[in-house]
Amino acid sequence: MLIVFFCYYTNIQSILNKKVELLSTIDRYKPAIIGLAETWLKEEVCDGEISINNYDVFRNDRMHGGVLLYIKSSLNAIRCFEEKSFDFEDSVWCQIKMDRKENLLIGVIYRSSNSEE
């Protein structure tokens, strides 16, 4: 069985300043999975400020960095907390159950050009 997801990724450089543009893009392309880098969020920003109807939000915040995944709620994604073992400061990972035996691991990673190799 072939399952196809339309995914969208961008380096957004502050989601709070570009949410209107993001919503317009989502309305146009209707992606199932959205990955954003350089979200520039702080922990004080609640999920409600960045929520999008019919999407679950998974985030890893860091000012002038940070990443975020929006995944269609109907896909029932679960965050993978083993992400620290991936050795990227800015990453977030989720698992989507495809069928009884198969899972899809999806993540978004940001590596600053200033970071070490």
N, C-alpha and C. Protein backbone atom coordinates (compact mmCIF):
# COMPACT_ATOMS: atom_id res chain seq x y z
N MET A 1 0.85 -1.18 0.00
CA MET A 1 0.00 0.00 0.00
C MET A 1 0.89 1.24 0.00
N LEU A 2 0.69 2.11 -0.95
CA LEU A 2 1.47 3.34 -1.08
C LEU A 2 0.71 4.49 -0.43
N ILE A 3 1.39 5.18 0.48
CA ILE A 3 0.82 6.36 1.12
C ILE A 3 1.72 7.54 0.78
N VAL A 4 1.13 8.62 0.33
CA VAL A 4 1.89 9.80 -0.06
C VAL A 4 1.48 10.98 0.84
N PHE A 5 2.49 11.64 1.37
CA PHE A 5 2.27 12.85 2.17
C PHE A 5 2.91 14.02 1.45
N PHE A 6 2.21 15.14 1.37
CA PHE A 6 2.83 16.35 0.89
C PHE A 6 3.44 17.04 2.09
N CYS A 7 4.73 17.33 2.00
CA CYS A 7 5.46 17.96 3.10
C CYS A 7 5.95 19.33 2.66
N TYR A 8 6.04 20.23 3.62
CA TYR A 8 6.54 21.58 3.37
C TYR A 8 7.59 21.89 4.41
N TYR A 9 8.71 22.45 3.98
CA TYR A 9 9.79 22.82 4.89
C TYR A 9 10.29 24.22 4.53
N THR A 10 10.60 25.02 5.54
CA THR A 10 11.22 26.32 5.30
C THR A 10 11.98 26.77 6.53
N ASN A 11 12.96 27.61 6.31
CA ASN A 11 13.64 28.32 7.39
C ASN A 11 12.86 29.61 7.55
N ILE A 12 12.10 29.69 8.63
CA ILE A 12 11.10 30.77 8.76
C ILE A 12 11.65 32.03 9.42
N GLN A 13 12.72 31.93 10.16
CA GLN A 13 13.33 33.07 10.85
C GLN A 13 12.28 33.93 11.57
N SER A 14 11.67 33.31 12.55
CA SER A 14 10.68 33.89 13.46
C SER A 14 9.25 33.61 13.00
N ILE A 15 8.71 32.56 13.54
CA ILE A 15 7.33 32.18 13.21
C ILE A 15 6.32 33.24 13.66
N LEU A 16 6.61 33.92 14.77
CA LEU A 16 5.66 34.91 15.26
C LEU A 16 5.51 36.07 14.27
N ASN A 17 6.55 36.38 13.53
CA ASN A 17 6.49 37.48 12.56
C ASN A 17 5.96 37.04 11.19
N LYS A 18 5.89 35.73 10.96
CA LYS A 18 5.53 35.26 9.62
C LYS A 18 4.36 34.27 9.61
N LYS A 19 3.56 34.29 10.67
CA LYS A 19 2.46 33.32 10.75
C LYS A 19 1.42 33.55 9.64
N VAL A 20 1.15 34.78 9.28
CA VAL A 20 0.17 35.06 8.22
C VAL A 20 0.64 34.47 6.90
N GLU A 21 1.93 34.64 6.56
CA GLU A 21 2.49 34.05 5.34
C GLU A 21 2.40 32.53 5.38
N LEU A 22 2.72 31.96 6.55
CA LEU A 22 2.65 30.51 6.71
C LEU A 22 1.24 29.99 6.51
N LEU A 23 0.27 30.66 7.10
CA LEU A 23 -1.13 30.24 6.94
C LEU A 23 -1.57 30.31 5.48
N SER A 24 -1.11 31.30 4.75
CA SER A 24 -1.43 31.42 3.34
C SER A 24 -0.83 30.26 2.54
N THR A 25 0.40 29.89 2.86
CA THR A 25 1.06 28.77 2.20
C THR A 25 0.33 27.46 2.50
N ILE A 26 -0.06 27.28 3.75
CA ILE A 26 -0.78 26.07 4.15
C ILE A 26 -2.12 25.99 3.43
N ASP A 27 -2.82 27.12 3.34
CA ASP A 27 -4.11 27.15 2.65
C ASP A 27 -3.96 26.80 1.17
N ARG A 28 -2.86 27.22 0.59
CA ARG A 28 -2.64 26.97 -0.84
C ARG A 28 -2.23 25.53 -1.13
N TYR A 29 -1.27 24.99 -0.36
CA TYR A 29 -0.70 23.68 -0.67
C TYR A 29 -1.25 22.52 0.17
N LYS A 30 -1.85 22.83 1.31
CA LYS A 30 -2.45 21.83 2.19
C LYS A 30 -1.50 20.66 2.52
N PRO A 31 -0.33 20.97 3.04
CA PRO A 31 0.62 19.90 3.39
C PRO A 31 0.15 19.11 4.61
N ALA A 32 0.53 17.84 4.65
CA ALA A 32 0.22 17.01 5.81
C ALA A 32 1.25 17.21 6.91
N ILE A 33 2.48 17.53 6.50
CA ILE A 33 3.58 17.70 7.44
C ILE A 33 4.31 18.99 7.10
N ILE A 34 4.57 19.80 8.13
CA ILE A 34 5.27 21.07 7.94
C ILE A 34 6.46 21.11 8.89
N GLY A 35 7.63 21.32 8.35
CA GLY A 35 8.84 21.45 9.16
C GLY A 35 9.37 22.87 9.07
N LEU A 36 9.65 23.46 10.23
CA LEU A 36 10.15 24.83 10.27
C LEU A 36 11.45 24.88 11.06
N ALA A 37 12.42 25.61 10.53
CA ALA A 37 13.68 25.85 11.23
C ALA A 37 13.78 27.33 11.57
N GLU A 38 14.61 27.63 12.54
CA GLU A 38 14.81 28.99 13.05
C GLU A 38 13.47 29.63 13.42
N THR A 39 12.73 28.94 14.28
CA THR A 39 11.44 29.46 14.73
C THR A 39 11.60 30.63 15.69
N TRP A 40 12.73 30.70 16.36
CA TRP A 40 13.08 31.78 17.28
C TRP A 40 12.09 31.93 18.42
N LEU A 41 11.58 30.81 18.91
CA LEU A 41 10.62 30.84 20.01
C LEU A 41 11.33 30.69 21.36
N LYS A 42 10.67 31.19 22.38
CA LYS A 42 11.09 30.99 23.76
C LYS A 42 10.05 30.10 24.43
N GLU A 43 10.43 29.45 25.51
CA GLU A 43 9.49 28.58 26.23
C GLU A 43 8.26 29.34 26.71
N GLU A 44 8.38 30.64 26.90
CA GLU A 44 7.25 31.44 27.40
C GLU A 44 6.12 31.56 26.37
N VAL A 45 6.42 31.29 25.11
CA VAL A 45 5.40 31.36 24.06
C VAL A 45 4.60 30.05 24.12
N CYS A 46 3.31 30.16 24.38
CA CYS A 46 2.49 28.95 24.51
C CYS A 46 2.08 28.42 23.14
N ASP A 47 1.75 27.14 23.10
CA ASP A 47 1.35 26.51 21.84
C ASP A 47 0.15 27.22 21.20
N GLY A 48 -0.74 27.78 22.03
CA GLY A 48 -1.91 28.46 21.50
C GLY A 48 -1.56 29.64 20.60
N GLU A 49 -0.43 30.28 20.84
CA GLU A 49 -0.02 31.43 20.04
C GLU A 49 0.45 31.02 18.64
N ILE A 50 0.84 29.77 18.49
CA ILE A 50 1.36 29.31 17.20
C ILE A 50 0.53 28.17 16.61
N SER A 51 -0.58 27.84 17.26
CA SER A 51 -1.38 26.70 16.80
C SER A 51 -2.02 26.99 15.44
N ILE A 52 -2.25 25.91 14.71
CA ILE A 52 -2.91 25.97 13.42
C ILE A 52 -4.01 24.90 13.44
N ASN A 53 -5.22 25.27 13.04
CA ASN A 53 -6.34 24.34 13.05
C ASN A 53 -6.00 23.04 12.33
N ASN A 54 -6.37 21.94 12.95
CA ASN A 54 -6.21 20.59 12.41
C ASN A 54 -4.77 20.09 12.34
N TYR A 55 -3.85 20.75 13.03
CA TYR A 55 -2.46 20.31 13.10
C TYR A 55 -2.04 20.19 14.56
N ASP A 56 -1.25 19.15 14.84
CA ASP A 56 -0.59 19.04 16.14
C ASP A 56 0.77 19.71 16.02
N VAL A 57 1.20 20.34 17.09
CA VAL A 57 2.47 21.06 17.07
C VAL A 57 3.48 20.37 17.99
N PHE A 58 4.69 20.20 17.48
CA PHE A 58 5.81 19.61 18.22
C PHE A 58 6.98 20.56 18.04
N ARG A 59 7.58 21.01 19.14
CA ARG A 59 8.59 22.05 19.01
C ARG A 59 9.76 21.83 19.96
N ASN A 60 10.87 22.40 19.57
CA ASN A 60 12.08 22.44 20.39
C ASN A 60 12.60 23.86 20.24
N ASP A 61 12.45 24.66 21.29
CA ASP A 61 12.68 26.10 21.22
C ASP A 61 14.13 26.48 21.52
N ARG A 62 14.58 27.51 20.82
CA ARG A 62 15.85 28.17 21.11
C ARG A 62 15.84 29.50 20.37
N MET A 63 16.12 30.57 21.09
CA MET A 63 16.15 31.89 20.45
C MET A 63 17.24 31.92 19.39
N HIS A 64 16.91 32.41 18.21
CA HIS A 64 17.78 32.45 17.03
C HIS A 64 18.16 31.04 16.59
N GLY A 65 17.24 30.13 16.80
CA GLY A 65 17.35 28.74 16.38
C GLY A 65 15.98 28.13 16.60
N GLY A 66 15.95 26.89 16.96
CA GLY A 66 14.70 26.22 17.24
C GLY A 66 14.05 25.62 16.01
N VAL A 67 13.28 24.56 16.25
CA VAL A 67 12.60 23.85 15.17
C VAL A 67 11.18 23.51 15.60
N LEU A 68 10.34 23.23 14.61
CA LEU A 68 8.94 22.94 14.88
C LEU A 68 8.40 22.04 13.79
N LEU A 69 7.55 21.11 14.19
CA LEU A 69 6.81 20.27 13.25
C LEU A 69 5.33 20.50 13.48
N TYR A 70 4.61 20.74 12.40
CA TYR A 70 3.16 20.68 12.41
C TYR A 70 2.80 19.42 11.65
N ILE A 71 1.99 18.58 12.27
CA ILE A 71 1.56 17.34 11.61
C ILE A 71 0.04 17.26 11.70
N LYS A 72 -0.59 16.97 10.56
CA LYS A 72 -2.05 16.86 10.54
C LYS A 72 -2.53 16.00 11.70
N SER A 73 -3.49 16.49 12.43
CA SER A 73 -4.01 15.78 13.61
C SER A 73 -4.52 14.39 13.27
N SER A 74 -5.05 14.22 12.07
CA SER A 74 -5.60 12.92 11.66
C SER A 74 -4.52 11.84 11.54
N LEU A 75 -3.24 12.23 11.50
CA LEU A 75 -2.15 11.25 11.40
C LEU A 75 -1.74 10.69 12.76
N ASN A 76 -2.25 11.26 13.84
CA ASN A 76 -2.00 10.76 15.20
C ASN A 76 -0.51 10.59 15.50
N ALA A 77 0.26 11.64 15.25
CA ALA A 77 1.71 11.60 15.50
C ALA A 77 2.00 11.60 17.00
N ILE A 78 3.10 10.96 17.35
CA ILE A 78 3.58 10.89 18.73
C ILE A 78 5.01 11.38 18.74
N ARG A 79 5.33 12.27 19.67
CA ARG A 79 6.70 12.79 19.77
C ARG A 79 7.64 11.71 20.26
N CYS A 80 8.81 11.66 19.66
CA CYS A 80 9.87 10.73 20.08
C CYS A 80 10.82 11.50 20.98
N PHE A 81 10.90 11.08 22.22
CA PHE A 81 11.75 11.80 23.16
C PHE A 81 13.18 11.30 23.17
N GLU A 82 13.51 10.35 22.32
CA GLU A 82 14.88 9.87 22.21
C GLU A 82 15.72 10.82 21.36
N GLU A 83 15.14 11.97 20.99
CA GLU A 83 15.81 12.89 20.08
C GLU A 83 17.17 13.36 20.58
N LYS A 84 17.39 13.35 21.88
CA LYS A 84 18.69 13.78 22.41
C LYS A 84 19.80 12.87 21.90
N SER A 85 19.48 11.64 21.59
CA SER A 85 20.49 10.71 21.10
C SER A 85 20.89 11.00 19.65
N PHE A 86 20.15 11.89 18.97
CA PHE A 86 20.49 12.22 17.58
C PHE A 86 21.62 13.25 17.51
N ASP A 87 22.01 13.83 18.64
CA ASP A 87 23.17 14.71 18.74
C ASP A 87 23.02 16.01 17.93
N PHE A 88 21.81 16.51 17.82
CA PHE A 88 21.56 17.82 17.22
C PHE A 88 20.86 18.67 18.26
N GLU A 89 21.38 19.86 18.49
CA GLU A 89 20.77 20.74 19.49
C GLU A 89 19.35 21.13 19.08
N ASP A 90 19.18 21.44 17.81
CA ASP A 90 17.88 21.87 17.31
C ASP A 90 17.29 20.77 16.45
N SER A 91 16.51 19.90 17.07
CA SER A 91 15.81 18.87 16.32
C SER A 91 14.55 18.48 17.08
N VAL A 92 13.57 18.00 16.34
CA VAL A 92 12.35 17.45 16.92
C VAL A 92 11.93 16.29 16.03
N TRP A 93 11.50 15.20 16.67
CA TRP A 93 11.19 13.95 15.96
C TRP A 93 9.84 13.42 16.40
N CYS A 94 9.09 12.89 15.43
CA CYS A 94 7.79 12.30 15.70
C CYS A 94 7.66 10.98 14.95
N GLN A 95 6.75 10.18 15.45
CA GLN A 95 6.47 8.88 14.83
C GLN A 95 5.00 8.85 14.43
N ILE A 96 4.77 8.38 13.21
CA ILE A 96 3.41 8.23 12.70
C ILE A 96 3.20 6.75 12.42
N LYS A 97 2.16 6.19 13.01
CA LYS A 97 1.85 4.77 12.79
C LYS A 97 1.19 4.63 11.43
N MET A 98 1.83 3.85 10.57
CA MET A 98 1.34 3.68 9.20
C MET A 98 0.35 2.51 9.12
N ASP A 99 0.66 1.42 9.77
CA ASP A 99 -0.22 0.26 9.84
C ASP A 99 0.18 -0.55 11.06
N ARG A 100 -0.23 -1.76 11.16
CA ARG A 100 0.03 -2.56 12.36
C ARG A 100 1.51 -2.79 12.62
N LYS A 101 2.31 -2.82 11.56
CA LYS A 101 3.73 -3.15 11.71
C LYS A 101 4.67 -1.99 11.41
N GLU A 102 4.24 -1.04 10.64
CA GLU A 102 5.13 0.00 10.14
C GLU A 102 4.87 1.34 10.80
N ASN A 103 5.97 2.05 11.10
CA ASN A 103 5.91 3.41 11.61
C ASN A 103 6.79 4.29 10.74
N LEU A 104 6.43 5.55 10.65
CA LEU A 104 7.22 6.53 9.92
C LEU A 104 7.84 7.47 10.93
N LEU A 105 9.16 7.59 10.90
CA LEU A 105 9.88 8.53 11.75
C LEU A 105 10.10 9.79 10.93
N ILE A 106 9.67 10.91 11.46
CA ILE A 106 9.83 12.19 10.75
C ILE A 106 10.43 13.20 11.71
N GLY A 107 11.35 13.99 11.20
CA GLY A 107 11.98 14.99 12.05
C GLY A 107 12.40 16.21 11.26
N VAL A 108 12.71 17.23 11.99
CA VAL A 108 13.27 18.44 11.39
C VAL A 108 14.49 18.81 12.23
N ILE A 109 15.57 19.16 11.52
CA ILE A 109 16.84 19.48 12.16
C ILE A 109 17.30 20.84 11.63
N TYR A 110 17.85 21.65 12.52
CA TYR A 110 18.49 22.89 12.11
C TYR A 110 19.92 22.85 12.58
N ARG A 111 20.82 23.07 11.65
CA ARG A 111 22.24 23.16 11.98
C ARG A 111 22.72 24.51 11.52
N SER A 112 23.05 25.37 12.46
CA SER A 112 23.53 26.71 12.16
C SER A 112 24.84 26.65 11.41
N SER A 113 25.04 27.58 10.50
CA SER A 113 26.31 27.64 9.77
C SER A 113 27.46 28.01 10.70
N ASN A 114 27.14 28.52 11.90
CA ASN A 114 28.16 28.85 12.90
C ASN A 114 28.54 27.68 13.78
N SER A 115 27.80 26.58 13.68
CA SER A 115 28.06 25.44 14.57
C SER A 115 29.27 24.65 14.09
N GLU A 116 29.82 23.88 15.02
CA GLU A 116 30.95 23.03 14.67
C GLU A 116 30.48 21.88 13.80
N GLU A 117 31.40 21.24 13.12
CA GLU A 117 31.06 20.18 12.17
C GLU A 117 30.29 19.05 12.81
